[in-house]
PDB file of N, CA and C in Angstrom:
ATOM      1  N   UNK A   1     -48.008  11.890  -1.207  1.00  0.00           N
ATOM      2  CA  UNK A   1     -47.134  11.396  -2.239  1.00  0.00           C
ATOM      3  C   UNK A   1     -46.014  10.596  -1.561  1.00  0.00           C
ATOM      4  N   UNK A   2     -45.690   9.425  -2.064  1.00  0.00           N
ATOM      5  CA  UNK A   2     -44.636   8.609  -1.468  1.00  0.00           C
ATOM      6  C   UNK A   2     -43.309   8.876  -2.164  1.00  0.00           C
ATOM      7  N   UNK A   3     -42.266   8.657  -1.403  1.00  0.00           N
ATOM      8  CA  UNK A   3     -40.926   8.823  -1.965  1.00  0.00           C
ATOM      9  C   UNK A   3     -40.332   7.455  -2.219  1.00  0.00           C
ATOM     10  N   UNK A   4     -39.661   7.314  -3.309  1.00  0.00           N
ATOM     11  CA  UNK A   4     -38.964   6.066  -3.606  1.00  0.00           C
ATOM     12  C   UNK A   4     -37.669   6.039  -2.800  1.00  0.00           C
ATOM     13  N   UNK A   5     -37.308   4.854  -2.400  1.00  0.00           N
ATOM     14  CA  UNK A   5     -36.044   4.714  -1.678  1.00  0.00           C
ATOM     15  C   UNK A   5     -34.912   4.676  -2.688  1.00  0.00           C
ATOM     16  N   UNK A   6     -34.077   5.656  -2.620  1.00  0.00           N
ATOM     17  CA  UNK A   6     -32.949   5.756  -3.542  1.00  0.00           C
ATOM     18  C   UNK A   6     -31.676   5.758  -2.716  1.00  0.00           C
ATOM     19  N   UNK A   7     -30.828   4.807  -3.014  1.00  0.00           N
ATOM     20  CA  UNK A   7     -29.562   4.739  -2.292  1.00  0.00           C
ATOM     21  C   UNK A   7     -28.563   5.665  -2.973  1.00  0.00           C
ATOM     22  N   UNK A   8     -28.016   6.567  -2.192  1.00  0.00           N
ATOM     23  CA  UNK A   8     -26.951   7.414  -2.715  1.00  0.00           C
ATOM     24  C   UNK A   8     -25.712   6.553  -2.890  1.00  0.00           C
ATOM     25  N   UNK A   9     -25.051   6.722  -3.976  1.00  0.00           N
ATOM     26  CA  UNK A   9     -23.838   5.952  -4.239  1.00  0.00           C
ATOM     27  C   UNK A   9     -22.700   6.503  -3.391  1.00  0.00           C
ATOM     28  N   UNK A  10     -22.154   5.657  -2.561  1.00  0.00           N
ATOM     29  CA  UNK A  10     -21.003   6.043  -1.745  1.00  0.00           C
ATOM     30  C   UNK A  10     -19.737   5.689  -2.500  1.00  0.00           C
ATOM     31  N   UNK A  11     -19.544   6.336  -3.623  1.00  0.00           N
ATOM     32  CA  UNK A  11     -18.404   6.027  -4.473  1.00  0.00           C
ATOM     33  C   UNK A  11     -17.102   6.349  -3.753  1.00  0.00           C
ATOM     34  N   UNK A  12     -16.217   5.400  -3.828  1.00  0.00           N
ATOM     35  CA  UNK A  12     -14.892   5.592  -3.253  1.00  0.00           C
ATOM     36  C   UNK A  12     -13.897   5.188  -4.326  1.00  0.00           C
ATOM     37  N   UNK A  13     -12.890   5.989  -4.489  1.00  0.00           N
ATOM     38  CA  UNK A  13     -11.886   5.733  -5.499  1.00  0.00           C
ATOM     39  C   UNK A  13     -10.669   5.106  -4.851  1.00  0.00           C
ATOM     40  N   UNK A  14      -9.895   4.414  -5.656  1.00  0.00           N
ATOM     41  CA  UNK A  14      -8.664   3.785  -5.191  1.00  0.00           C
ATOM     42  C   UNK A  14      -7.749   4.812  -4.532  1.00  0.00           C
ATOM     43  N   UNK A  15      -7.683   5.984  -5.105  1.00  0.00           N
ATOM     44  CA  UNK A  15      -6.807   7.032  -4.571  1.00  0.00           C
ATOM     45  C   UNK A  15      -7.300   7.608  -3.251  1.00  0.00           C
ATOM     46  N   UNK A  16      -8.556   7.322  -2.871  1.00  0.00           N
ATOM     47  CA  UNK A  16      -9.116   7.810  -1.607  1.00  0.00           C
ATOM     48  C   UNK A  16      -8.763   6.923  -0.421  1.00  0.00           C
ATOM     49  N   UNK A  17      -8.235   5.745  -0.681  1.00  0.00           N
ATOM     50  CA  UNK A  17      -7.959   4.789   0.393  1.00  0.00           C
ATOM     51  C   UNK A  17      -6.755   5.190   1.231  1.00  0.00           C
ATOM     52  N   UNK A  18      -6.739   4.699   2.454  1.00  0.00           N
ATOM     53  CA  UNK A  18      -5.537   4.842   3.271  1.00  0.00           C
ATOM     54  C   UNK A  18      -4.440   3.998   2.617  1.00  0.00           C
ATOM     55  N   UNK A  19      -3.198   4.387   2.742  1.00  0.00           N
ATOM     56  CA  UNK A  19      -2.119   3.650   2.067  1.00  0.00           C
ATOM     57  C   UNK A  19      -1.689   2.395   2.833  1.00  0.00           C
ATOM     58  N   UNK A  20      -2.668   1.554   3.211  1.00  0.00           N
ATOM     59  CA  UNK A  20      -2.364   0.307   3.919  1.00  0.00           C
ATOM     60  C   UNK A  20      -2.872  -0.864   3.095  1.00  0.00           C
ATOM     61  N   UNK A  21      -2.220  -2.005   3.240  1.00  0.00           N
ATOM     62  CA  UNK A  21      -2.627  -3.200   2.526  1.00  0.00           C
ATOM     63  C   UNK A  21      -4.022  -3.650   2.974  1.00  0.00           C
ATOM     64  N   UNK A  22      -4.318  -3.489   4.247  1.00  0.00           N
ATOM     65  CA  UNK A  22      -5.641  -3.857   4.763  1.00  0.00           C
ATOM     66  C   UNK A  22      -6.744  -3.058   4.079  1.00  0.00           C
ATOM     67  N   UNK A  23      -6.533  -1.761   3.921  1.00  0.00           N
ATOM     68  CA  UNK A  23      -7.523  -0.913   3.247  1.00  0.00           C
ATOM     69  C   UNK A  23      -7.688  -1.331   1.785  1.00  0.00           C
ATOM     70  N   UNK A  24      -6.582  -1.662   1.130  1.00  0.00           N
ATOM     71  CA  UNK A  24      -6.639  -2.096  -0.267  1.00  0.00           C
ATOM     72  C   UNK A  24      -7.423  -3.399  -0.393  1.00  0.00           C
ATOM     73  N   UNK A  25      -7.138  -4.367   0.466  1.00  0.00           N
ATOM     74  CA  UNK A  25      -7.832  -5.658   0.418  1.00  0.00           C
ATOM     75  C   UNK A  25      -9.330  -5.466   0.650  1.00  0.00           C
ATOM     76  N   UNK A  26      -9.683  -4.665   1.638  1.00  0.00           N
ATOM     77  CA  UNK A  26     -11.091  -4.414   1.934  1.00  0.00           C
ATOM     78  C   UNK A  26     -11.797  -3.785   0.723  1.00  0.00           C
ATOM     79  N   UNK A  27     -11.181  -2.784   0.131  1.00  0.00           N
ATOM     80  CA  UNK A  27     -11.745  -2.087  -1.026  1.00  0.00           C
ATOM     81  C   UNK A  27     -11.911  -3.034  -2.216  1.00  0.00           C
ATOM     82  N   UNK A  28     -10.854  -3.781  -2.541  1.00  0.00           N
ATOM     83  CA  UNK A  28     -10.907  -4.673  -3.699  1.00  0.00           C
ATOM     84  C   UNK A  28     -11.929  -5.790  -3.495  1.00  0.00           C
ATOM     85  N   UNK A  29     -12.024  -6.299  -2.276  1.00  0.00           N
ATOM     86  CA  UNK A  29     -13.016  -7.334  -1.977  1.00  0.00           C
ATOM     87  C   UNK A  29     -14.426  -6.786  -2.142  1.00  0.00           C
ATOM     88  N   UNK A  30     -14.673  -5.592  -1.657  1.00  0.00           N
ATOM     89  CA  UNK A  30     -15.985  -4.972  -1.796  1.00  0.00           C
ATOM     90  C   UNK A  30     -16.324  -4.741  -3.273  1.00  0.00           C
ATOM     91  N   UNK A  31     -15.344  -4.292  -4.057  1.00  0.00           N
ATOM     92  CA  UNK A  31     -15.556  -4.048  -5.482  1.00  0.00           C
ATOM     93  C   UNK A  31     -15.730  -5.348  -6.270  1.00  0.00           C
ATOM     94  N   UNK A  32     -15.311  -6.463  -5.678  1.00  0.00           N
ATOM     95  CA  UNK A  32     -15.365  -7.775  -6.321  1.00  0.00           C
ATOM     96  C   UNK A  32     -16.570  -8.578  -5.819  1.00  0.00           C
ATOM     97  N   UNK A  33     -17.663  -7.894  -5.516  1.00  0.00           N
ATOM     98  CA  UNK A  33     -18.893  -8.523  -5.034  1.00  0.00           C
ATOM     99  C   UNK A  33     -18.668  -9.406  -3.813  1.00  0.00           C
ATOM    100  N   UNK A  34     -17.826  -8.919  -2.911  1.00  0.00           N
ATOM    101  CA  UNK A  34     -17.510  -9.580  -1.633  1.00  0.00           C
ATOM    102  C   UNK A  34     -16.746 -10.888  -1.780  1.00  0.00           C
ATOM    103  N   UNK A  35     -16.210 -11.146  -2.970  1.00  0.00           N
ATOM    104  CA  UNK A  35     -15.311 -12.293  -3.140  1.00  0.00           C
ATOM    105  C   UNK A  35     -13.921 -11.816  -2.765  1.00  0.00           C
ATOM    106  N   UNK A  36     -13.335 -12.464  -1.754  1.00  0.00           N
ATOM    107  CA  UNK A  36     -12.094 -11.977  -1.177  1.00  0.00           C
ATOM    108  C   UNK A  36     -10.983 -11.859  -2.205  1.00  0.00           C
ATOM    109  N   UNK A  37     -10.341 -10.722  -2.193  1.00  0.00           N
ATOM    110  CA  UNK A  37      -9.141 -10.464  -2.989  1.00  0.00           C
ATOM    111  C   UNK A  37      -7.989 -10.443  -1.995  1.00  0.00           C
ATOM    112  N   UNK A  38      -6.905 -11.105  -2.326  1.00  0.00           N
ATOM    113  CA  UNK A  38      -5.778 -11.203  -1.398  1.00  0.00           C
ATOM    114  C   UNK A  38      -4.463 -10.959  -2.132  1.00  0.00           C
ATOM    115  N   UNK A  39      -3.431 -10.707  -1.345  1.00  0.00           N
ATOM    116  CA  UNK A  39      -2.096 -10.488  -1.909  1.00  0.00           C
ATOM    117  C   UNK A  39      -1.466 -11.829  -2.238  1.00  0.00           C
ATOM    118  N   UNK A  40      -1.020 -11.992  -3.465  1.00  0.00           N
ATOM    119  CA  UNK A  40      -0.376 -13.227  -3.879  1.00  0.00           C
ATOM    120  C   UNK A  40       1.124 -13.174  -3.647  1.00  0.00           C
ATOM    121  N   UNK A  41       1.710 -12.008  -3.920  1.00  0.00           N
ATOM    122  CA  UNK A  41       3.140 -11.821  -3.667  1.00  0.00           C
ATOM    123  C   UNK A  41       3.440 -10.337  -3.663  1.00  0.00           C
ATOM    124  N   UNK A  42       4.594  -9.999  -3.147  1.00  0.00           N
ATOM    125  CA  UNK A  42       5.059  -8.613  -3.150  1.00  0.00           C
ATOM    126  C   UNK A  42       6.456  -8.596  -3.768  1.00  0.00           C
ATOM    127  N   UNK A  43       6.670  -7.623  -4.638  1.00  0.00           N
ATOM    128  CA  UNK A  43       7.984  -7.437  -5.248  1.00  0.00           C
ATOM    129  C   UNK A  43       8.359  -5.966  -5.122  1.00  0.00           C
ATOM    130  N   UNK A  44       9.581  -5.650  -5.464  1.00  0.00           N
ATOM    131  CA  UNK A  44      10.043  -4.261  -5.387  1.00  0.00           C
ATOM    132  C   UNK A  44      10.403  -3.778  -6.780  1.00  0.00           C
ATOM    133  N   UNK A  45       9.881  -2.619  -7.136  1.00  0.00           N
ATOM    134  CA  UNK A  45      10.216  -2.002  -8.415  1.00  0.00           C
ATOM    135  C   UNK A  45      11.621  -1.423  -8.342  1.00  0.00           C
ATOM    136  N   UNK A  46      12.150  -1.026  -9.504  1.00  0.00           N
ATOM    137  CA  UNK A  46      13.483  -0.418  -9.575  1.00  0.00           C
ATOM    138  C   UNK A  46      13.568   0.882  -8.796  1.00  0.00           C
ATOM    139  N   UNK A  47      12.438   1.587  -8.660  1.00  0.00           N
ATOM    140  CA  UNK A  47      12.433   2.852  -7.925  1.00  0.00           C
ATOM    141  C   UNK A  47      12.226   2.649  -6.420  1.00  0.00           C
ATOM    142  N   UNK A  48      12.176   1.389  -5.973  1.00  0.00           N
ATOM    143  CA  UNK A  48      12.053   1.100  -4.552  1.00  0.00           C
ATOM    144  C   UNK A  48      10.629   0.942  -4.050  1.00  0.00           C
ATOM    145  N   UNK A  49       9.643   1.184  -4.885  1.00  0.00           N
ATOM    146  CA  UNK A  49       8.245   1.035  -4.478  1.00  0.00           C
ATOM    147  C   UNK A  49       7.881  -0.453  -4.404  1.00  0.00           C
ATOM    148  N   UNK A  50       7.095  -0.814  -3.403  1.00  0.00           N
ATOM    149  CA  UNK A  50       6.644  -2.192  -3.249  1.00  0.00           C
ATOM    150  C   UNK A  50       5.407  -2.417  -4.095  1.00  0.00           C
ATOM    151  N   UNK A  51       5.472  -3.442  -4.947  1.00  0.00           N
ATOM    152  CA  UNK A  51       4.323  -3.833  -5.757  1.00  0.00           C
ATOM    153  C   UNK A  51       3.602  -4.963  -5.044  1.00  0.00           C
ATOM    154  N   UNK A  52       2.319  -4.814  -4.855  1.00  0.00           N
ATOM    155  CA  UNK A  52       1.496  -5.843  -4.237  1.00  0.00           C
ATOM    156  C   UNK A  52       0.690  -6.503  -5.354  1.00  0.00           C
ATOM    157  N   UNK A  53       1.051  -7.725  -5.699  1.00  0.00           N
ATOM    158  CA  UNK A  53       0.373  -8.469  -6.758  1.00  0.00           C
ATOM    159  C   UNK A  53      -0.833  -9.156  -6.130  1.00  0.00           C
ATOM    160  N   UNK A  54      -2.013  -8.725  -6.547  1.00  0.00           N
ATOM    161  CA  UNK A  54      -3.240  -9.181  -5.916  1.00  0.00           C
ATOM    162  C   UNK A  54      -3.896 -10.302  -6.731  1.00  0.00           C
ATOM    163  N   UNK A  55      -4.788 -11.034  -6.082  1.00  0.00           N
ATOM    164  CA  UNK A  55      -5.442 -12.175  -6.720  1.00  0.00           C
ATOM    165  C   UNK A  55      -6.390 -11.765  -7.845  1.00  0.00           C
ATOM    166  N   UNK A  56      -6.683 -10.487  -7.991  1.00  0.00           N
ATOM    167  CA  UNK A  56      -7.499 -10.026  -9.116  1.00  0.00           C
ATOM    168  C   UNK A  56      -6.655  -9.831 -10.377  1.00  0.00           C
ATOM    169  N   UNK A  57      -5.366 -10.144 -10.293  1.00  0.00           N
ATOM    170  CA  UNK A  57      -4.493 -10.094 -11.456  1.00  0.00           C
ATOM    171  C   UNK A  57      -3.772  -8.780 -11.677  1.00  0.00           C
ATOM    172  N   UNK A  58      -3.941  -7.821 -10.775  1.00  0.00           N
ATOM    173  CA  UNK A  58      -3.318  -6.512 -10.956  1.00  0.00           C
ATOM    174  C   UNK A  58      -2.307  -6.218  -9.850  1.00  0.00           C
ATOM    175  N   UNK A  59      -1.216  -5.536 -10.204  1.00  0.00           N
ATOM    176  CA  UNK A  59      -0.251  -5.091  -9.190  1.00  0.00           C
ATOM    177  C   UNK A  59      -0.558  -3.648  -8.758  1.00  0.00           C
ATOM    178  N   UNK A  60      -0.500  -3.407  -7.464  1.00  0.00           N
ATOM    179  CA  UNK A  60      -0.799  -2.085  -6.895  1.00  0.00           C
ATOM    180  C   UNK A  60       0.410  -1.595  -6.117  1.00  0.00           C
ATOM    181  N   UNK A  61       0.561  -0.273  -6.027  1.00  0.00           N
ATOM    182  CA  UNK A  61       1.626   0.324  -5.225  1.00  0.00           C
ATOM    183  C   UNK A  61       1.147   1.652  -4.673  1.00  0.00           C
ATOM    184  N   UNK A  62       1.844   2.123  -3.658  1.00  0.00           N
ATOM    185  CA  UNK A  62       1.548   3.433  -3.066  1.00  0.00           C
ATOM    186  C   UNK A  62       2.498   4.442  -3.701  1.00  0.00           C
ATOM    187  N   UNK A  63       1.942   5.485  -4.303  1.00  0.00           N
ATOM    188  CA  UNK A  63       2.759   6.493  -4.982  1.00  0.00           C
ATOM    189  C   UNK A  63       3.360   7.499  -3.984  1.00  0.00           C
ATOM    190  N   UNK A  64       4.074   8.478  -4.497  1.00  0.00           N
ATOM    191  CA  UNK A  64       4.729   9.482  -3.648  1.00  0.00           C
ATOM    192  C   UNK A  64       3.736  10.365  -2.891  1.00  0.00           C
ATOM    193  N   UNK A  65       2.493  10.422  -3.371  1.00  0.00           N
ATOM    194  CA  UNK A  65       1.447  11.194  -2.687  1.00  0.00           C
ATOM    195  C   UNK A  65       0.682  10.344  -1.671  1.00  0.00           C
ATOM    196  N   UNK A  66       1.199   9.141  -1.403  1.00  0.00           N
ATOM    197  CA  UNK A  66       0.605   8.185  -0.458  1.00  0.00           C
ATOM    198  C   UNK A  66      -0.805   7.772  -0.882  1.00  0.00           C
ATOM    199  N   UNK A  67      -0.946   7.536  -2.204  1.00  0.00           N
ATOM    200  CA  UNK A  67      -2.211   7.074  -2.771  1.00  0.00           C
ATOM    201  C   UNK A  67      -1.955   5.769  -3.519  1.00  0.00           C
ATOM    202  N   UNK A  68      -2.927   4.867  -3.468  1.00  0.00           N
ATOM    203  CA  UNK A  68      -2.807   3.605  -4.197  1.00  0.00           C
ATOM    204  C   UNK A  68      -2.942   3.860  -5.698  1.00  0.00           C
ATOM    205  N   UNK A  69      -2.141   3.127  -6.469  1.00  0.00           N
ATOM    206  CA  UNK A  69      -2.206   3.163  -7.932  1.00  0.00           C
ATOM    207  C   UNK A  69      -2.043   1.759  -8.454  1.00  0.00           C
ATOM    208  N   UNK A  70      -2.566   1.530  -9.653  1.00  0.00           N
ATOM    209  CA  UNK A  70      -2.331   0.275 -10.364  1.00  0.00           C
ATOM    210  C   UNK A  70      -1.064   0.455 -11.178  1.00  0.00           C
ATOM    211  N   UNK A  71      -0.183  -0.530 -11.146  1.00  0.00           N
ATOM    212  CA  UNK A  71       1.061  -0.458 -11.923  1.00  0.00           C
ATOM    213  C   UNK A  71       0.805  -1.020 -13.308  1.00  0.00           C
ATOM    214  N   UNK A  72       0.436  -0.145 -14.236  1.00  0.00           N
ATOM    215  CA  UNK A  72       0.152  -0.574 -15.612  1.00  0.00           C
ATOM    216  C   UNK A  72       1.433  -0.839 -16.278  1.00  0.00           C
TER     217      UNK A  72
END
């Protein structure tokens, strides 16, 4: 009996990433079918957190638990 080749999904969540801009760019680019996602600008929120406005149209920041989040 033959076995079908089944790729296990290596799901990675935004919150699983290292809290570095390089890790965020790599993750977003991979999720965007290898079309590079880059930082367009960085601003600072009122609470002092740095918002990274990315070319995918979303702003991201590192929360107090050192995890990436989208700033909705």
